Amino acid sequence: MKFPIIRKSYFVNIVFLLVSLFISWFTLLFGLAHLIEGKNPNVPYSEHIKGVIFCLILCAVGIVFLVVAIASIKRMLYKLKRKTK
């Protein structure tokens, strides 16, 4: 399977890059912070499991948007290399 590339103009790639990096940073920050925090003894086990599942979903969303950002960077570098030849 090939790594995805976003085949759009520079402007669209920059917009994708900025939006996806912000979403990735935000969701990974909160998802990982709550996973690392651990369990509070005052929180029931069922609520703790719901929180862990939500944090894992946040981390998955962050990783997906990180892949989108990498694809955008890869396309911009490919177009830049092609232009210099």
PDB file of N, CA and C in Angstrom:
ATOM      1  N   MET A   1       0.839  -1.178   0.000  1.00  0.00           N
ATOM      2  CA  MET A   1       0.000   0.000   0.000  1.00  0.00           C
ATOM      3  C   MET A   1       0.883   1.240   0.000  1.00  0.00           C
ATOM      4  N   LYS A   2       0.593   2.157  -0.910  1.00  0.00           N
ATOM      5  CA  LYS A   2       1.363   3.388  -0.994  1.00  0.00           C
ATOM      6  C   LYS A   2       0.862   4.398   0.026  1.00  0.00           C
ATOM      7  N   PHE A   3       1.771   5.262   0.458  1.00  0.00           N
ATOM      8  CA  PHE A   3       1.403   6.318   1.390  1.00  0.00           C
ATOM      9  C   PHE A   3       0.555   7.353   0.655  1.00  0.00           C
ATOM     10  N   PRO A   4      -0.505   7.874   1.268  1.00  0.00           N
ATOM     11  CA  PRO A   4      -1.380   8.807   0.553  1.00  0.00           C
ATOM     12  C   PRO A   4      -0.694  10.144   0.269  1.00  0.00           C
ATOM     13  N   ILE A   5      -1.055  10.729  -0.853  1.00  0.00           N
ATOM     14  CA  ILE A   5      -0.575  12.050  -1.231  1.00  0.00           C
ATOM     15  C   ILE A   5      -1.790  12.888  -1.593  1.00  0.00           C
ATOM     16  N   ILE A   6      -1.816  14.118  -1.115  1.00  0.00           N
ATOM     17  CA  ILE A   6      -2.908  15.025  -1.428  1.00  0.00           C
ATOM     18  C   ILE A   6      -2.538  15.764  -2.711  1.00  0.00           C
ATOM     19  N   ARG A   7      -3.271  15.539  -3.773  1.00  0.00           N
ATOM     20  CA  ARG A   7      -2.953  16.098  -5.088  1.00  0.00           C
ATOM     21  C   ARG A   7      -3.736  17.400  -5.324  1.00  0.00           C
ATOM     22  N   LYS A   8      -3.327  18.436  -4.644  1.00  0.00           N
ATOM     23  CA  LYS A   8      -3.951  19.755  -4.789  1.00  0.00           C
ATOM     24  C   LYS A   8      -2.859  20.805  -4.938  1.00  0.00           C
ATOM     25  N   SER A   9      -3.255  22.064  -5.014  1.00  0.00           N
ATOM     26  CA  SER A   9      -2.301  23.158  -5.157  1.00  0.00           C
ATOM     27  C   SER A   9      -1.564  23.404  -3.833  1.00  0.00           C
ATOM     28  N   TYR A  10      -0.551  24.274  -3.915  1.00  0.00           N
ATOM     29  CA  TYR A  10       0.207  24.603  -2.710  1.00  0.00           C
ATOM     30  C   TYR A  10      -0.685  25.215  -1.632  1.00  0.00           C
ATOM     31  N   PHE A  11      -1.572  26.118  -2.040  1.00  0.00           N
ATOM     32  CA  PHE A  11      -2.443  26.790  -1.081  1.00  0.00           C
ATOM     33  C   PHE A  11      -3.327  25.792  -0.328  1.00  0.00           C
ATOM     34  N   VAL A  12      -3.930  24.881  -1.055  1.00  0.00           N
ATOM     35  CA  VAL A  12      -4.800  23.872  -0.425  1.00  0.00           C
ATOM     36  C   VAL A  12      -3.976  22.960   0.475  1.00  0.00           C
ATOM     37  N   ASN A  13      -2.765  22.592   0.045  1.00  0.00           N
ATOM     38  CA  ASN A  13      -1.905  21.752   0.883  1.00  0.00           C
ATOM     39  C   ASN A  13      -1.495  22.464   2.162  1.00  0.00           C
ATOM     40  N   ILE A  14      -1.228  23.758   2.067  1.00  0.00           N
ATOM     41  CA  ILE A  14      -0.859  24.516   3.272  1.00  0.00           C
ATOM     42  C   ILE A  14      -2.044  24.607   4.224  1.00  0.00           C
ATOM     43  N   VAL A  15      -3.245  24.818   3.678  1.00  0.00           N
ATOM     44  CA  VAL A  15      -4.442  24.863   4.533  1.00  0.00           C
ATOM     45  C   VAL A  15      -4.664  23.505   5.195  1.00  0.00           C
ATOM     46  N   PHE A  16      -4.563  22.420   4.408  1.00  0.00           N
ATOM     47  CA  PHE A  16      -4.686  21.073   4.983  1.00  0.00           C
ATOM     48  C   PHE A  16      -3.640  20.855   6.074  1.00  0.00           C
ATOM     49  N   LEU A  17      -2.427  21.286   5.810  1.00  0.00           N
ATOM     50  CA  LEU A  17      -1.341  21.094   6.762  1.00  0.00           C
ATOM     51  C   LEU A  17      -1.611  21.819   8.068  1.00  0.00           C
ATOM     52  N   LEU A  18      -1.979  23.087   7.994  1.00  0.00           N
ATOM     53  CA  LEU A  18      -2.216  23.860   9.213  1.00  0.00           C
ATOM     54  C   LEU A  18      -3.406  23.330  10.013  1.00  0.00           C
ATOM     55  N   VAL A  19      -4.494  23.039   9.326  1.00  0.00           N
ATOM     56  CA  VAL A  19      -5.688  22.546  10.028  1.00  0.00           C
ATOM     57  C   VAL A  19      -5.419  21.174  10.639  1.00  0.00           C
ATOM     58  N   SER A  20      -4.804  20.292   9.866  1.00  0.00           N
ATOM     59  CA  SER A  20      -4.579  18.944  10.382  1.00  0.00           C
ATOM     60  C   SER A  20      -3.537  18.925  11.502  1.00  0.00           C
ATOM     61  N   LEU A  21      -2.525  19.778  11.434  1.00  0.00           N
ATOM     62  CA  LEU A  21      -1.556  19.836  12.534  1.00  0.00           C
ATOM     63  C   LEU A  21      -2.197  20.362  13.810  1.00  0.00           C
ATOM     64  N   PHE A  22      -3.078  21.362  13.692  1.00  0.00           N
ATOM     65  CA  PHE A  22      -3.750  21.871  14.883  1.00  0.00           C
ATOM     66  C   PHE A  22      -4.665  20.820  15.498  1.00  0.00           C
ATOM     67  N   ILE A  23      -5.466  20.161  14.668  1.00  0.00           N
ATOM     68  CA  ILE A  23      -6.375  19.131  15.187  1.00  0.00           C
ATOM     69  C   ILE A  23      -5.577  17.979  15.787  1.00  0.00           C
ATOM     70  N   SER A  24      -4.506  17.587  15.126  1.00  0.00           N
ATOM     71  CA  SER A  24      -3.669  16.491  15.625  1.00  0.00           C
ATOM     72  C   SER A  24      -3.045  16.856  16.969  1.00  0.00           C
ATOM     73  N   TRP A  25      -2.499  18.048  17.047  1.00  0.00           N
ATOM     74  CA  TRP A  25      -1.860  18.492  18.299  1.00  0.00           C
ATOM     75  C   TRP A  25      -2.886  18.529  19.431  1.00  0.00           C
ATOM     76  N   PHE A  26      -4.046  19.102  19.164  1.00  0.00           N
ATOM     77  CA  PHE A  26      -5.074  19.254  20.187  1.00  0.00           C
ATOM     78  C   PHE A  26      -5.571  17.904  20.696  1.00  0.00           C
ATOM     79  N   THR A  27      -5.914  16.996  19.782  1.00  0.00           N
ATOM     80  CA  THR A  27      -6.482  15.718  20.208  1.00  0.00           C
ATOM     81  C   THR A  27      -5.431  14.817  20.853  1.00  0.00           C
ATOM     82  N   LEU A  28      -4.216  14.810  20.324  1.00  0.00           N
ATOM     83  CA  LEU A  28      -3.168  13.994  20.947  1.00  0.00           C
ATOM     84  C   LEU A  28      -2.788  14.541  22.314  1.00  0.00           C
ATOM     85  N   LEU A  29      -2.766  15.855  22.454  1.00  0.00           N
ATOM     86  CA  LEU A  29      -2.437  16.467  23.737  1.00  0.00           C
ATOM     87  C   LEU A  29      -3.415  16.025  24.823  1.00  0.00           C
ATOM     88  N   PHE A  30      -4.701  16.180  24.559  1.00  0.00           N
ATOM     89  CA  PHE A  30      -5.691  15.829  25.569  1.00  0.00           C
ATOM     90  C   PHE A  30      -5.858  14.324  25.726  1.00  0.00           C
ATOM     91  N   GLY A  31      -5.797  13.594  24.633  1.00  0.00           N
ATOM     92  CA  GLY A  31      -5.932  12.143  24.732  1.00  0.00           C
ATOM     93  C   GLY A  31      -4.805  11.513  25.531  1.00  0.00           C
ATOM     94  N   LEU A  32      -3.575  11.869  25.210  1.00  0.00           N
ATOM     95  CA  LEU A  32      -2.438  11.290  25.932  1.00  0.00           C
ATOM     96  C   LEU A  32      -2.356  11.795  27.378  1.00  0.00           C
ATOM     97  N   ALA A  33      -2.701  13.054  27.587  1.00  0.00           N
ATOM     98  CA  ALA A  33      -2.645  13.592  28.953  1.00  0.00           C
ATOM     99  C   ALA A  33      -3.610  12.857  29.874  1.00  0.00           C
ATOM    100  N   HIS A  34      -4.795  12.578  29.391  1.00  0.00           N
ATOM    101  CA  HIS A  34      -5.764  11.876  30.239  1.00  0.00           C
ATOM    102  C   HIS A  34      -5.434  10.395  30.388  1.00  0.00           C
ATOM    103  N   LEU A  35      -4.782   9.812  29.396  1.00  0.00           N
ATOM    104  CA  LEU A  35      -4.368   8.412  29.533  1.00  0.00           C
ATOM    105  C   LEU A  35      -3.218   8.284  30.528  1.00  0.00           C
ATOM    106  N   ILE A  36      -2.308   9.234  30.509  1.00  0.00           N
ATOM    107  CA  ILE A  36      -1.155   9.187  31.412  1.00  0.00           C
ATOM    108  C   ILE A  36      -1.565   9.511  32.850  1.00  0.00           C
ATOM    109  N   GLU A  37      -2.591  10.346  32.998  1.00  0.00           N
ATOM    110  CA  GLU A  37      -3.021  10.791  34.321  1.00  0.00           C
ATOM    111  C   GLU A  37      -3.341   9.635  35.263  1.00  0.00           C
ATOM    112  N   GLY A  38      -3.964   8.613  34.748  1.00  0.00           N
ATOM    113  CA  GLY A  38      -4.290   7.468  35.596  1.00  0.00           C
ATOM    114  C   GLY A  38      -5.690   7.528  36.158  1.00  0.00           C
ATOM    115  N   LYS A  39      -5.989   6.574  37.032  1.00  0.00           N
ATOM    116  CA  LYS A  39      -7.342   6.465  37.590  1.00  0.00           C
ATOM    117  C   LYS A  39      -7.435   7.174  38.923  1.00  0.00           C
ATOM    118  N   ASN A  40      -8.471   7.961  39.064  1.00  0.00           N
ATOM    119  CA  ASN A  40      -8.780   8.617  40.321  1.00  0.00           C
ATOM    120  C   ASN A  40      -9.600   7.636  41.162  1.00  0.00           C
ATOM    121  N   PRO A  41      -9.258   7.430  42.422  1.00  0.00           N
ATOM    122  CA  PRO A  41     -10.009   6.452  43.237  1.00  0.00           C
ATOM    123  C   PRO A  41     -11.468   6.844  43.478  1.00  0.00           C
ATOM    124  N   ASN A  42     -11.824   8.107  43.297  1.00  0.00           N
ATOM    125  CA  ASN A  42     -13.200   8.553  43.530  1.00  0.00           C
ATOM    126  C   ASN A  42     -14.109   8.335  42.325  1.00  0.00           C
ATOM    127  N   VAL A  43     -13.547   7.911  41.195  1.00  0.00           N
ATOM    128  CA  VAL A  43     -14.327   7.712  39.968  1.00  0.00           C
ATOM    129  C   VAL A  43     -14.690   6.236  39.854  1.00  0.00           C
ATOM    130  N   PRO A  44     -15.962   5.925  39.623  1.00  0.00           N
ATOM    131  CA  PRO A  44     -16.359   4.517  39.455  1.00  0.00           C
ATOM    132  C   PRO A  44     -15.668   3.884  38.241  1.00  0.00           C
ATOM    133  N   TYR A  45     -15.501   2.565  38.302  1.00  0.00           N
ATOM    134  CA  TYR A  45     -14.778   1.839  37.264  1.00  0.00           C
ATOM    135  C   TYR A  45     -15.440   1.992  35.894  1.00  0.00           C
ATOM    136  N   SER A  46     -16.770   1.963  35.838  1.00  0.00           N
ATOM    137  CA  SER A  46     -17.465   2.075  34.549  1.00  0.00           C
ATOM    138  C   SER A  46     -17.215   3.452  33.915  1.00  0.00           C
ATOM    139  N   GLU A  47     -17.193   4.483  34.720  1.00  0.00           N
ATOM    140  CA  GLU A  47     -16.909   5.827  34.201  1.00  0.00           C
ATOM    141  C   GLU A  47     -15.458   5.937  33.758  1.00  0.00           C
ATOM    142  N   HIS A  48     -14.568   5.278  34.455  1.00  0.00           N
ATOM    143  CA  HIS A  48     -13.152   5.283  34.079  1.00  0.00           C
ATOM    144  C   HIS A  48     -12.959   4.620  32.708  1.00  0.00           C
ATOM    145  N   ILE A  49     -13.639   3.517  32.481  1.00  0.00           N
ATOM    146  CA  ILE A  49     -13.534   2.821  31.193  1.00  0.00           C
ATOM    147  C   ILE A  49     -14.067   3.709  30.071  1.00  0.00           C
ATOM    148  N   LYS A  50     -15.178   4.409  30.307  1.00  0.00           N
ATOM    149  CA  LYS A  50     -15.705   5.334  29.302  1.00  0.00           C
ATOM    150  C   LYS A  50     -14.692   6.426  28.987  1.00  0.00           C
ATOM    151  N   GLY A  51     -14.026   6.950  30.001  1.00  0.00           N
ATOM    152  CA  GLY A  51     -13.004   7.975  29.797  1.00  0.00           C
ATOM    153  C   GLY A  51     -11.818   7.450  29.007  1.00  0.00           C
ATOM    154  N   VAL A  52     -11.391   6.229  29.303  1.00  0.00           N
ATOM    155  CA  VAL A  52     -10.272   5.633  28.575  1.00  0.00           C
ATOM    156  C   VAL A  52     -10.635   5.427  27.106  1.00  0.00           C
ATOM    157  N   ILE A  53     -11.839   4.957  26.843  1.00  0.00           N
ATOM    158  CA  ILE A  53     -12.280   4.749  25.460  1.00  0.00           C
ATOM    159  C   ILE A  53     -12.320   6.088  24.717  1.00  0.00           C
ATOM    160  N   PHE A  54     -12.833   7.118  25.362  1.00  0.00           N
ATOM    161  CA  PHE A  54     -12.881   8.440  24.741  1.00  0.00           C
ATOM    162  C   PHE A  54     -11.471   8.962  24.455  1.00  0.00           C
ATOM    163  N   CYS A  55     -10.544   8.744  25.374  1.00  0.00           N
ATOM    164  CA  CYS A  55      -9.159   9.179  25.168  1.00  0.00           C
ATOM    165  C   CYS A  55      -8.498   8.410  24.035  1.00  0.00           C
ATOM    166  N   LEU A  56      -8.783   7.130  23.917  1.00  0.00           N
ATOM    167  CA  LEU A  56      -8.236   6.343  22.810  1.00  0.00           C
ATOM    168  C   LEU A  56      -8.795   6.827  21.466  1.00  0.00           C
ATOM    169  N   ILE A  57     -10.065   7.205  21.454  1.00  0.00           N
ATOM    170  CA  ILE A  57     -10.657   7.758  20.232  1.00  0.00           C
ATOM    171  C   ILE A  57      -9.992   9.086  19.885  1.00  0.00           C
ATOM    172  N   LEU A  58      -9.741   9.922  20.886  1.00  0.00           N
ATOM    173  CA  LEU A  58      -9.039  11.181  20.636  1.00  0.00           C
ATOM    174  C   LEU A  58      -7.649  10.932  20.060  1.00  0.00           C
ATOM    175  N   CYS A  59      -6.939   9.956  20.598  1.00  0.00           N
ATOM    176  CA  CYS A  59      -5.604   9.630  20.088  1.00  0.00           C
ATOM    177  C   CYS A  59      -5.681   9.111  18.651  1.00  0.00           C
ATOM    178  N   ALA A  60      -6.675   8.313  18.337  1.00  0.00           N
ATOM    179  CA  ALA A  60      -6.830   7.799  16.973  1.00  0.00           C
ATOM    180  C   ALA A  60      -7.112   8.932  15.993  1.00  0.00           C
ATOM    181  N   VAL A  61      -7.960   9.872  16.383  1.00  0.00           N
ATOM    182  CA  VAL A  61      -8.248  11.027  15.532  1.00  0.00           C
ATOM    183  C   VAL A  61      -6.970  11.846  15.329  1.00  0.00           C
ATOM    184  N   GLY A  62      -6.198  12.020  16.381  1.00  0.00           N
ATOM    185  CA  GLY A  62      -4.937  12.755  16.268  1.00  0.00           C
ATOM    186  C   GLY A  62      -3.962  12.088  15.322  1.00  0.00           C
ATOM    187  N   ILE A  63      -3.878  10.780  15.356  1.00  0.00           N
ATOM    188  CA  ILE A  63      -2.960  10.051  14.476  1.00  0.00           C
ATOM    189  C   ILE A  63      -3.434  10.142  13.026  1.00  0.00           C
ATOM    190  N   VAL A  64      -4.744  10.064  12.802  1.00  0.00           N
ATOM    191  CA  VAL A  64      -5.274  10.190  11.440  1.00  0.00           C
ATOM    192  C   VAL A  64      -4.938  11.566  10.863  1.00  0.00           C
ATOM    193  N   PHE A  65      -5.132  12.610  11.625  1.00  0.00           N
ATOM    194  CA  PHE A  65      -4.825  13.944  11.130  1.00  0.00           C
ATOM    195  C   PHE A  65      -3.320  14.169  11.001  1.00  0.00           C
ATOM    196  N   LEU A  66      -2.525  13.489  11.791  1.00  0.00           N
ATOM    197  CA  LEU A  66      -1.078  13.555  11.632  1.00  0.00           C
ATOM    198  C   LEU A  66      -0.656  12.921  10.304  1.00  0.00           C
ATOM    199  N   VAL A  67      -1.301  11.836   9.920  1.00  0.00           N
ATOM    200  CA  VAL A  67      -1.023  11.200   8.624  1.00  0.00           C
ATOM    201  C   VAL A  67      -1.426  12.138   7.482  1.00  0.00           C
ATOM    202  N   VAL A  68      -2.536  12.851   7.633  1.00  0.00           N
ATOM    203  CA  VAL A  68      -2.952  13.816   6.623  1.00  0.00           C
ATOM    204  C   VAL A  68      -1.911  14.929   6.497  1.00  0.00           C
ATOM    205  N   ALA A  69      -1.392  15.395   7.620  1.00  0.00           N
ATOM    206  CA  ALA A  69      -0.362  16.438   7.583  1.00  0.00           C
ATOM    207  C   ALA A  69       0.905  15.942   6.902  1.00  0.00           C
ATOM    208  N   ILE A  70       1.307  14.715   7.177  1.00  0.00           N
ATOM    209  CA  ILE A  70       2.498  14.147   6.547  1.00  0.00           C
ATOM    210  C   ILE A  70       2.279  13.984   5.047  1.00  0.00           C
ATOM    211  N   ALA A  71       1.080  13.580   4.647  1.00  0.00           N
ATOM    212  CA  ALA A  71       0.774  13.448   3.218  1.00  0.00           C
ATOM    213  C   ALA A  71       0.835  14.809   2.530  1.00  0.00           C
ATOM    214  N   SER A  72       0.371  15.833   3.191  1.00  0.00           N
ATOM    215  CA  SER A  72       0.419  17.173   2.622  1.00  0.00           C
ATOM    216  C   SER A  72       1.864  17.649   2.469  1.00  0.00           C
ATOM    217  N   ILE A  73       2.682  17.412   3.468  1.00  0.00           N
ATOM    218  CA  ILE A  73       4.094  17.785   3.396  1.00  0.00           C
ATOM    219  C   ILE A  73       4.791  17.007   2.288  1.00  0.00           C
ATOM    220  N   LYS A  74       4.477  15.741   2.185  1.00  0.00           N
ATOM    221  CA  LYS A  74       5.099  14.903   1.160  1.00  0.00           C
ATOM    222  C   LYS A  74       4.757  15.410  -0.235  1.00  0.00           C
ATOM    223  N   ARG A  75       3.518  15.796  -0.463  1.00  0.00           N
ATOM    224  CA  ARG A  75       3.121  16.305  -1.774  1.00  0.00           C
ATOM    225  C   ARG A  75       3.818  17.625  -2.084  1.00  0.00           C
ATOM    226  N   MET A  76       3.933  18.515  -1.098  1.00  0.00           N
ATOM    227  CA  MET A  76       4.606  19.785  -1.344  1.00  0.00           C
ATOM    228  C   MET A  76       6.081  19.560  -1.672  1.00  0.00           C
ATOM    229  N   LEU A  77       6.729  18.643  -0.980  1.00  0.00           N
ATOM    230  CA  LEU A  77       8.133  18.349  -1.271  1.00  0.00           C
ATOM    231  C   LEU A  77       8.290  17.717  -2.645  1.00  0.00           C
ATOM    232  N   TYR A  78       7.350  16.864  -3.034  1.00  0.00           N
ATOM    233  CA  TYR A  78       7.395  16.226  -4.344  1.00  0.00           C
ATOM    234  C   TYR A  78       7.260  17.279  -5.449  1.00  0.00           C
ATOM    235  N   LYS A  79       6.322  18.215  -5.272  1.00  0.00           N
ATOM    236  CA  LYS A  79       6.142  19.266  -6.273  1.00  0.00           C
ATOM    237  C   LYS A  79       7.362  20.182  -6.328  1.00  0.00           C
ATOM    238  N   LEU A  80       7.979  20.441  -5.193  1.00  0.00           N
ATOM    239  CA  LEU A  80       9.165  21.289  -5.149  1.00  0.00           C
ATOM    240  C   LEU A  80      10.344  20.621  -5.856  1.00  0.00           C
ATOM    241  N   LYS A  81      10.535  19.313  -5.635  1.00  0.00           N
ATOM    242  CA  LYS A  81      11.602  18.578  -6.310  1.00  0.00           C
ATOM    243  C   LYS A  81      11.380  18.570  -7.820  1.00  0.00           C
ATOM    244  N   ARG A  82      10.139  18.374  -8.212  1.00  0.00           N
ATOM    245  CA  ARG A  82       9.800  18.295  -9.624  1.00  0.00           C
ATOM    246  C   ARG A  82      10.012  19.643 -10.315  1.00  0.00           C
ATOM    247  N   LYS A  83       9.803  20.724  -9.587  1.00  0.00           N
ATOM    248  CA  LYS A  83       9.977  22.059 -10.135  1.00  0.00           C
ATOM    249  C   LYS A  83      11.465  22.397 -10.344  1.00  0.00           C
ATOM    250  N   THR A  84      12.328  21.893  -9.462  1.00  0.00           N
ATOM    251  CA  THR A  84      13.747  22.223  -9.537  1.00  0.00           C
ATOM    252  C   THR A  84      14.483  21.435 -10.590  1.00  0.00           C
ATOM    253  N   LYS A  85      13.899  20.362 -11.119  1.00  0.00           N
ATOM    254  CA  LYS A  85      14.586  19.560 -12.145  1.00  0.00           C
ATOM    255  C   LYS A  85      14.588  20.240 -13.479  1.00  0.00           C
TER     256      LYS A  85
END
